[in-house]
Amino acid sequence: MPDTSALHSASDALAAGRQVQTGRIRTISENIANADSAPTEPGGAPYARKIAVFAPVVADSPRSPVGRIVRDSSDFRRRYDPSNGAADLRGYVRLPNVNAAAESADLQQVVRNYEANLNASATIDRLTQATINLIS
C-alpha cells in the first residue's frame, strides 16, 4: 500500500492555513466596519485597529494555529469638528487608526491566499483519489 502520509501532512498544513486566513479575514472585516466610527463622548477613545497574530505552525505538529488579537498602537486620526459632541477642548475628534484602503488591499491578499489554499486542497483530494484508483 502506498505511503500517503505526505498527502495527509500537506492537507493538515493547508487546513491550518485556512484557519489563519479565516482569522485574518474576520479581523480585517471588523477593522473596515469600524473605520469611520467615532466616540460618542468628549475625549472618548475611538476604535483601535486590530491585528491578528499567529504563531508559526510546525509541519508535523498536530496542534492548530495559535492566534491572538493585538491592538495597533499607532496614533489615532484627528478631525477638526468642534460641533461634534466627542470633540476635545480644541475641537478635534479622535478617529480610528484604520486606513480603509490599506485594509481593503490586505483583505484582497488574504482572500487570494485563501483561494490558493482551497485550490491546493482540491489538488491533494484529486491526488488522493488517483492513488485510491491505482491501488483498487
N, C-alpha and C. Protein backbone atom coordinates (compact mmCIF):
# COMPACT_ATOMS: atom_id res chain seq x y z
N MET A 1 0.85 -1.18 0.00
CA MET A 1 0.00 0.00 0.00
C MET A 1 0.89 1.24 0.00
N PRO A 2 0.57 2.24 -0.83
CA PRO A 2 1.39 3.44 -0.93
C PRO A 2 1.35 4.26 0.35
N ASP A 3 2.44 4.94 0.60
CA ASP A 3 2.54 5.82 1.78
C ASP A 3 1.89 7.17 1.43
N THR A 4 0.79 7.46 2.07
CA THR A 4 0.07 8.72 1.81
C THR A 4 0.24 9.71 2.95
N SER A 5 1.20 9.46 3.82
CA SER A 5 1.38 10.36 4.97
C SER A 5 1.76 11.77 4.53
N ALA A 6 2.49 11.89 3.44
CA ALA A 6 2.85 13.23 2.95
C ALA A 6 1.60 14.00 2.52
N LEU A 7 0.67 13.30 1.89
CA LEU A 7 -0.57 13.96 1.48
C LEU A 7 -1.38 14.39 2.70
N HIS A 8 -1.39 13.55 3.73
CA HIS A 8 -2.12 13.89 4.95
C HIS A 8 -1.46 15.09 5.65
N SER A 9 -0.14 15.11 5.69
CA SER A 9 0.57 16.24 6.30
C SER A 9 0.29 17.53 5.55
N ALA A 10 0.32 17.44 4.23
CA ALA A 10 0.04 18.63 3.42
C ALA A 10 -1.39 19.11 3.64
N SER A 11 -2.30 18.16 3.70
CA SER A 11 -3.71 18.52 3.93
C SER A 11 -3.89 19.18 5.29
N ASP A 12 -3.21 18.67 6.31
CA ASP A 12 -3.29 19.27 7.65
C ASP A 12 -2.70 20.68 7.65
N ALA A 13 -1.59 20.87 6.96
CA ALA A 13 -0.97 22.20 6.89
C ALA A 13 -1.89 23.18 6.18
N LEU A 14 -2.55 22.72 5.12
CA LEU A 14 -3.48 23.60 4.41
C LEU A 14 -4.69 23.95 5.28
N ALA A 15 -5.17 22.99 6.07
CA ALA A 15 -6.29 23.27 6.98
C ALA A 15 -5.88 24.33 8.00
N ALA A 16 -4.67 24.22 8.52
CA ALA A 16 -4.17 25.23 9.47
C ALA A 16 -4.08 26.59 8.78
N GLY A 17 -3.63 26.60 7.55
CA GLY A 17 -3.54 27.85 6.79
C GLY A 17 -4.90 28.49 6.59
N ARG A 18 -5.92 27.68 6.34
CA ARG A 18 -7.27 28.22 6.18
C ARG A 18 -7.77 28.83 7.49
N GLN A 19 -7.43 28.20 8.62
CA GLN A 19 -7.82 28.76 9.91
C GLN A 19 -7.18 30.12 10.13
N VAL A 20 -5.92 30.24 9.77
CA VAL A 20 -5.21 31.51 9.91
C VAL A 20 -5.85 32.57 9.01
N GLN A 21 -6.09 32.22 7.75
CA GLN A 21 -6.67 33.20 6.83
C GLN A 21 -8.07 33.60 7.25
N THR A 22 -8.85 32.66 7.79
CA THR A 22 -10.19 32.99 8.28
C THR A 22 -10.11 33.98 9.43
N GLY A 23 -9.17 33.77 10.35
CA GLY A 23 -8.98 34.71 11.45
C GLY A 23 -8.59 36.09 10.95
N ARG A 24 -7.73 36.14 9.95
CA ARG A 24 -7.32 37.42 9.39
C ARG A 24 -8.49 38.11 8.69
N ILE A 25 -9.31 37.34 7.97
CA ILE A 25 -10.47 37.92 7.29
C ILE A 25 -11.43 38.54 8.31
N ARG A 26 -11.69 37.84 9.39
CA ARG A 26 -12.59 38.38 10.43
C ARG A 26 -12.05 39.68 11.02
N THR A 27 -10.75 39.70 11.32
CA THR A 27 -10.15 40.87 11.93
C THR A 27 -10.16 42.06 10.98
N ILE A 28 -9.77 41.83 9.74
CA ILE A 28 -9.76 42.92 8.76
C ILE A 28 -11.17 43.43 8.51
N SER A 29 -12.14 42.52 8.45
CA SER A 29 -13.54 42.94 8.24
C SER A 29 -14.02 43.82 9.38
N GLU A 30 -13.66 43.47 10.60
CA GLU A 30 -14.04 44.29 11.75
C GLU A 30 -13.39 45.67 11.66
N ASN A 31 -12.13 45.71 11.25
CA ASN A 31 -11.45 47.00 11.10
C ASN A 31 -12.15 47.88 10.07
N ILE A 32 -12.49 47.29 8.93
CA ILE A 32 -13.16 48.05 7.88
C ILE A 32 -14.53 48.55 8.37
N ALA A 33 -15.26 47.70 9.08
CA ALA A 33 -16.58 48.08 9.58
C ALA A 33 -16.51 49.25 10.56
N ASN A 34 -15.39 49.36 11.27
CA ASN A 34 -15.26 50.42 12.28
C ASN A 34 -14.36 51.57 11.85
N ALA A 35 -13.97 51.61 10.59
CA ALA A 35 -13.02 52.61 10.11
C ALA A 35 -13.52 54.04 10.32
N ASP A 36 -14.80 54.26 10.25
CA ASP A 36 -15.34 55.62 10.37
C ASP A 36 -16.13 55.84 11.66
N SER A 37 -16.06 54.90 12.58
CA SER A 37 -16.79 55.08 13.83
C SER A 37 -16.08 56.12 14.68
N ALA A 38 -16.86 56.87 15.43
CA ALA A 38 -16.29 57.91 16.29
C ALA A 38 -16.79 57.70 17.70
N PRO A 39 -16.03 58.15 18.68
CA PRO A 39 -16.51 58.05 20.07
C PRO A 39 -17.76 58.90 20.25
N THR A 40 -18.54 58.58 21.25
CA THR A 40 -19.80 59.31 21.48
C THR A 40 -19.70 60.32 22.60
N GLU A 41 -18.60 60.30 23.33
CA GLU A 41 -18.45 61.22 24.46
C GLU A 41 -17.18 62.04 24.30
N PRO A 42 -17.13 63.23 24.85
CA PRO A 42 -15.93 64.06 24.72
C PRO A 42 -14.69 63.35 25.27
N GLY A 43 -13.64 63.36 24.47
CA GLY A 43 -12.40 62.72 24.87
C GLY A 43 -12.46 61.21 24.87
N GLY A 44 -13.55 60.65 24.35
CA GLY A 44 -13.71 59.19 24.33
C GLY A 44 -12.70 58.54 23.40
N ALA A 45 -12.39 57.30 23.71
CA ALA A 45 -11.43 56.54 22.90
C ALA A 45 -12.12 55.98 21.66
N PRO A 46 -11.54 56.18 20.50
CA PRO A 46 -12.11 55.60 19.28
C PRO A 46 -11.74 54.12 19.17
N TYR A 47 -12.31 53.47 18.19
CA TYR A 47 -11.97 52.08 17.89
C TYR A 47 -10.49 52.01 17.55
N ALA A 48 -9.79 51.05 18.10
CA ALA A 48 -8.37 50.83 17.80
C ALA A 48 -8.25 49.66 16.84
N ARG A 49 -7.53 49.85 15.77
CA ARG A 49 -7.32 48.81 14.77
C ARG A 49 -6.79 47.55 15.44
N LYS A 50 -7.27 46.41 14.97
CA LYS A 50 -6.84 45.12 15.49
C LYS A 50 -5.98 44.41 14.45
N ILE A 51 -5.05 43.61 14.95
CA ILE A 51 -4.16 42.84 14.10
C ILE A 51 -4.18 41.40 14.58
N ALA A 52 -4.44 40.47 13.67
CA ALA A 52 -4.41 39.04 14.01
C ALA A 52 -2.97 38.56 13.89
N VAL A 53 -2.47 37.97 14.97
CA VAL A 53 -1.10 37.47 15.01
C VAL A 53 -1.15 35.98 15.31
N PHE A 54 -0.46 35.20 14.51
CA PHE A 54 -0.46 33.75 14.70
C PHE A 54 0.95 33.24 14.87
N ALA A 55 1.10 32.27 15.76
CA ALA A 55 2.39 31.61 15.95
C ALA A 55 2.60 30.67 14.77
N PRO A 56 3.84 30.48 14.35
CA PRO A 56 4.11 29.54 13.25
C PRO A 56 3.66 28.12 13.62
N VAL A 57 3.18 27.41 12.62
CA VAL A 57 2.77 26.02 12.82
C VAL A 57 3.87 25.14 12.24
N VAL A 58 4.36 24.21 13.04
CA VAL A 58 5.40 23.28 12.60
C VAL A 58 4.73 22.21 11.74
N ALA A 59 5.40 21.80 10.68
CA ALA A 59 4.81 20.90 9.68
C ALA A 59 4.21 19.63 10.27
N ASP A 60 4.89 18.95 11.16
CA ASP A 60 4.39 17.68 11.68
C ASP A 60 3.74 17.81 13.04
N SER A 61 3.34 19.01 13.40
CA SER A 61 2.70 19.24 14.69
C SER A 61 1.20 19.01 14.58
N PRO A 62 0.60 18.31 15.52
CA PRO A 62 -0.83 18.04 15.45
C PRO A 62 -1.69 19.23 15.91
N ARG A 63 -1.05 20.29 16.45
CA ARG A 63 -1.85 21.38 17.01
C ARG A 63 -2.33 22.34 15.94
N SER A 64 -3.42 23.01 16.25
CA SER A 64 -3.97 24.04 15.37
C SER A 64 -3.18 25.32 15.56
N PRO A 65 -3.31 26.25 14.61
CA PRO A 65 -2.61 27.52 14.77
C PRO A 65 -3.09 28.26 16.02
N VAL A 66 -2.16 28.85 16.72
CA VAL A 66 -2.50 29.62 17.91
C VAL A 66 -2.43 31.09 17.54
N GLY A 67 -3.54 31.77 17.69
CA GLY A 67 -3.59 33.17 17.32
C GLY A 67 -4.05 34.04 18.46
N ARG A 68 -3.76 35.31 18.31
CA ARG A 68 -4.25 36.28 19.27
C ARG A 68 -4.48 37.58 18.52
N ILE A 69 -5.27 38.43 19.12
CA ILE A 69 -5.56 39.72 18.54
C ILE A 69 -4.84 40.78 19.35
N VAL A 70 -4.09 41.62 18.67
CA VAL A 70 -3.40 42.73 19.34
C VAL A 70 -3.93 44.05 18.78
N ARG A 71 -3.87 45.06 19.59
CA ARG A 71 -4.31 46.40 19.17
C ARG A 71 -3.14 47.15 18.54
N ASP A 72 -3.42 47.81 17.44
CA ASP A 72 -2.42 48.64 16.78
C ASP A 72 -2.18 49.87 17.66
N SER A 73 -0.92 50.15 17.96
CA SER A 73 -0.61 51.27 18.86
C SER A 73 -0.30 52.56 18.11
N SER A 74 -0.53 52.59 16.81
CA SER A 74 -0.27 53.82 16.07
C SER A 74 -1.28 54.91 16.47
N ASP A 75 -0.92 56.14 16.16
CA ASP A 75 -1.76 57.28 16.56
C ASP A 75 -3.12 57.23 15.88
N PHE A 76 -4.11 57.74 16.60
CA PHE A 76 -5.45 57.85 16.03
C PHE A 76 -5.47 59.04 15.06
N ARG A 77 -6.37 58.96 14.09
CA ARG A 77 -6.57 60.11 13.19
C ARG A 77 -7.31 61.18 13.97
N ARG A 78 -7.18 62.41 13.52
CA ARG A 78 -7.90 63.51 14.17
C ARG A 78 -8.61 64.33 13.09
N ARG A 79 -9.79 64.79 13.43
CA ARG A 79 -10.56 65.64 12.51
C ARG A 79 -11.09 66.83 13.30
N TYR A 80 -10.95 67.99 12.71
CA TYR A 80 -11.46 69.19 13.36
C TYR A 80 -12.96 69.26 13.15
N ASP A 81 -13.70 69.16 14.24
CA ASP A 81 -15.17 69.20 14.19
C ASP A 81 -15.68 69.65 15.56
N PRO A 82 -15.56 70.96 15.83
CA PRO A 82 -15.93 71.45 17.17
C PRO A 82 -17.41 71.24 17.51
N SER A 83 -18.26 71.02 16.53
CA SER A 83 -19.68 70.81 16.81
C SER A 83 -19.99 69.37 17.24
N ASN A 84 -19.03 68.50 17.08
CA ASN A 84 -19.22 67.10 17.45
C ASN A 84 -19.15 66.95 18.97
N GLY A 85 -20.06 66.20 19.53
CA GLY A 85 -20.10 66.00 20.98
C GLY A 85 -18.88 65.28 21.54
N ALA A 86 -18.14 64.61 20.69
CA ALA A 86 -16.95 63.89 21.14
C ALA A 86 -15.68 64.71 20.96
N ALA A 87 -15.81 65.97 20.54
CA ALA A 87 -14.63 66.81 20.31
C ALA A 87 -13.96 67.17 21.63
N ASP A 88 -12.63 67.29 21.57
CA ASP A 88 -11.90 67.72 22.77
C ASP A 88 -12.00 69.24 22.90
N LEU A 89 -11.30 69.80 23.85
CA LEU A 89 -11.38 71.24 24.11
C LEU A 89 -10.90 72.08 22.93
N ARG A 90 -10.03 71.53 22.09
CA ARG A 90 -9.55 72.27 20.92
C ARG A 90 -10.41 72.02 19.69
N GLY A 91 -11.48 71.23 19.81
CA GLY A 91 -12.40 70.99 18.70
C GLY A 91 -12.07 69.80 17.83
N TYR A 92 -11.11 68.97 18.25
CA TYR A 92 -10.73 67.81 17.45
C TYR A 92 -11.40 66.53 17.98
N VAL A 93 -11.81 65.71 17.04
CA VAL A 93 -12.39 64.40 17.36
C VAL A 93 -11.35 63.35 16.97
N ARG A 94 -11.06 62.45 17.88
CA ARG A 94 -10.15 61.35 17.57
C ARG A 94 -10.93 60.26 16.84
N LEU A 95 -10.36 59.79 15.75
CA LEU A 95 -11.00 58.76 14.92
C LEU A 95 -10.12 57.51 14.89
N PRO A 96 -10.69 56.39 14.52
CA PRO A 96 -9.93 55.13 14.50
C PRO A 96 -8.65 55.23 13.66
N ASN A 97 -7.66 54.47 14.06
CA ASN A 97 -6.39 54.42 13.34
C ASN A 97 -6.44 53.36 12.23
N VAL A 98 -7.56 53.33 11.54
CA VAL A 98 -7.79 52.35 10.47
C VAL A 98 -7.75 53.06 9.13
N ASN A 99 -6.92 52.57 8.23
CA ASN A 99 -6.87 53.07 6.87
C ASN A 99 -7.68 52.09 6.03
N ALA A 100 -8.90 52.47 5.66
CA ALA A 100 -9.80 51.55 4.96
C ALA A 100 -9.21 51.04 3.65
N ALA A 101 -8.48 51.88 2.94
CA ALA A 101 -7.89 51.46 1.66
C ALA A 101 -6.82 50.38 1.90
N ALA A 102 -5.99 50.58 2.90
CA ALA A 102 -4.95 49.58 3.20
C ALA A 102 -5.58 48.28 3.69
N GLU A 103 -6.63 48.40 4.51
CA GLU A 103 -7.32 47.20 4.99
C GLU A 103 -7.95 46.44 3.83
N SER A 104 -8.54 47.17 2.88
CA SER A 104 -9.16 46.52 1.71
C SER A 104 -8.11 45.79 0.88
N ALA A 105 -6.94 46.41 0.72
CA ALA A 105 -5.86 45.75 -0.03
C ALA A 105 -5.40 44.50 0.71
N ASP A 106 -5.26 44.59 2.04
CA ASP A 106 -4.89 43.42 2.83
C ASP A 106 -5.93 42.32 2.69
N LEU A 107 -7.20 42.70 2.71
CA LEU A 107 -8.29 41.73 2.59
C LEU A 107 -8.22 41.01 1.24
N GLN A 108 -7.95 41.75 0.18
CA GLN A 108 -7.83 41.13 -1.14
C GLN A 108 -6.71 40.10 -1.15
N GLN A 109 -5.58 40.43 -0.54
CA GLN A 109 -4.45 39.50 -0.48
C GLN A 109 -4.80 38.25 0.33
N VAL A 110 -5.47 38.44 1.46
CA VAL A 110 -5.85 37.31 2.30
C VAL A 110 -6.83 36.40 1.56
N VAL A 111 -7.78 36.99 0.86
CA VAL A 111 -8.76 36.19 0.10
C VAL A 111 -8.04 35.41 -1.01
N ARG A 112 -7.07 36.04 -1.67
CA ARG A 112 -6.29 35.31 -2.70
C ARG A 112 -5.54 34.14 -2.07
N ASN A 113 -4.95 34.37 -0.90
CA ASN A 113 -4.26 33.28 -0.20
C ASN A 113 -5.22 32.15 0.14
N TYR A 114 -6.40 32.50 0.61
CA TYR A 114 -7.40 31.51 0.97
C TYR A 114 -7.80 30.69 -0.27
N GLU A 115 -8.03 31.39 -1.38
CA GLU A 115 -8.39 30.70 -2.62
C GLU A 115 -7.27 29.78 -3.10
N ALA A 116 -6.03 30.23 -3.00
CA ALA A 116 -4.90 29.38 -3.39
C ALA A 116 -4.85 28.14 -2.50
N ASN A 117 -5.14 28.34 -1.23
CA ASN A 117 -5.16 27.23 -0.28
C ASN A 117 -6.25 26.22 -0.68
N LEU A 118 -7.43 26.72 -1.04
CA LEU A 118 -8.52 25.82 -1.47
C LEU A 118 -8.13 25.06 -2.73
N ASN A 119 -7.48 25.74 -3.66
CA ASN A 119 -7.03 25.06 -4.89
C ASN A 119 -6.02 23.97 -4.58
N ALA A 120 -5.11 24.24 -3.66
CA ALA A 120 -4.12 23.23 -3.26
C ALA A 120 -4.82 22.04 -2.59
N SER A 121 -5.81 22.32 -1.77
CA SER A 121 -6.57 21.24 -1.12
C SER A 121 -7.29 20.38 -2.16
N ALA A 122 -7.86 21.02 -3.17
CA ALA A 122 -8.54 20.28 -4.23
C ALA A 122 -7.55 19.40 -4.99
N THR A 123 -6.35 19.90 -5.20
CA THR A 123 -5.32 19.11 -5.87
C THR A 123 -4.95 17.89 -5.03
N ILE A 124 -4.81 18.08 -3.73
CA ILE A 124 -4.50 16.95 -2.85
C ILE A 124 -5.63 15.93 -2.87
N ASP A 125 -6.87 16.40 -2.88
CA ASP A 125 -8.01 15.48 -2.96
C ASP A 125 -7.96 14.67 -4.25
N ARG A 126 -7.62 15.33 -5.36
CA ARG A 126 -7.51 14.62 -6.64
C ARG A 126 -6.37 13.61 -6.60
N LEU A 127 -5.24 13.98 -6.00
CA LEU A 127 -4.12 13.04 -5.90
C LEU A 127 -4.49 11.85 -5.03
N THR A 128 -5.19 12.10 -3.94
CA THR A 128 -5.63 11.02 -3.07
C THR A 128 -6.57 10.08 -3.82
N GLN A 129 -7.51 10.65 -4.55
CA GLN A 129 -8.45 9.83 -5.31
C GLN A 129 -7.72 9.04 -6.39
N ALA A 130 -6.73 9.65 -7.05
CA ALA A 130 -5.97 8.94 -8.07
C ALA A 130 -5.18 7.80 -7.43
N THR A 131 -4.66 8.01 -6.24
CA THR A 131 -3.92 6.96 -5.54
C THR A 131 -4.85 5.80 -5.20
N ILE A 132 -6.03 6.12 -4.72
CA ILE A 132 -7.02 5.09 -4.40
C ILE A 132 -7.39 4.30 -5.66
N ASN A 133 -7.58 5.01 -6.77
CA ASN A 133 -7.92 4.34 -8.03
C ASN A 133 -6.81 3.41 -8.50
N LEU A 134 -5.56 3.81 -8.26
CA LEU A 134 -4.43 2.97 -8.68
C LEU A 134 -4.33 1.69 -7.89
N ILE A 135 -4.65 1.76 -6.58
CA ILE A 135 -4.49 0.57 -5.76
C ILE A 135 -5.74 -0.31 -5.71
N SER A 136 -6.82 0.16 -6.29
CA SER A 136 -8.02 -0.68 -6.25
C SER A 136 -8.24 -1.43 -7.52
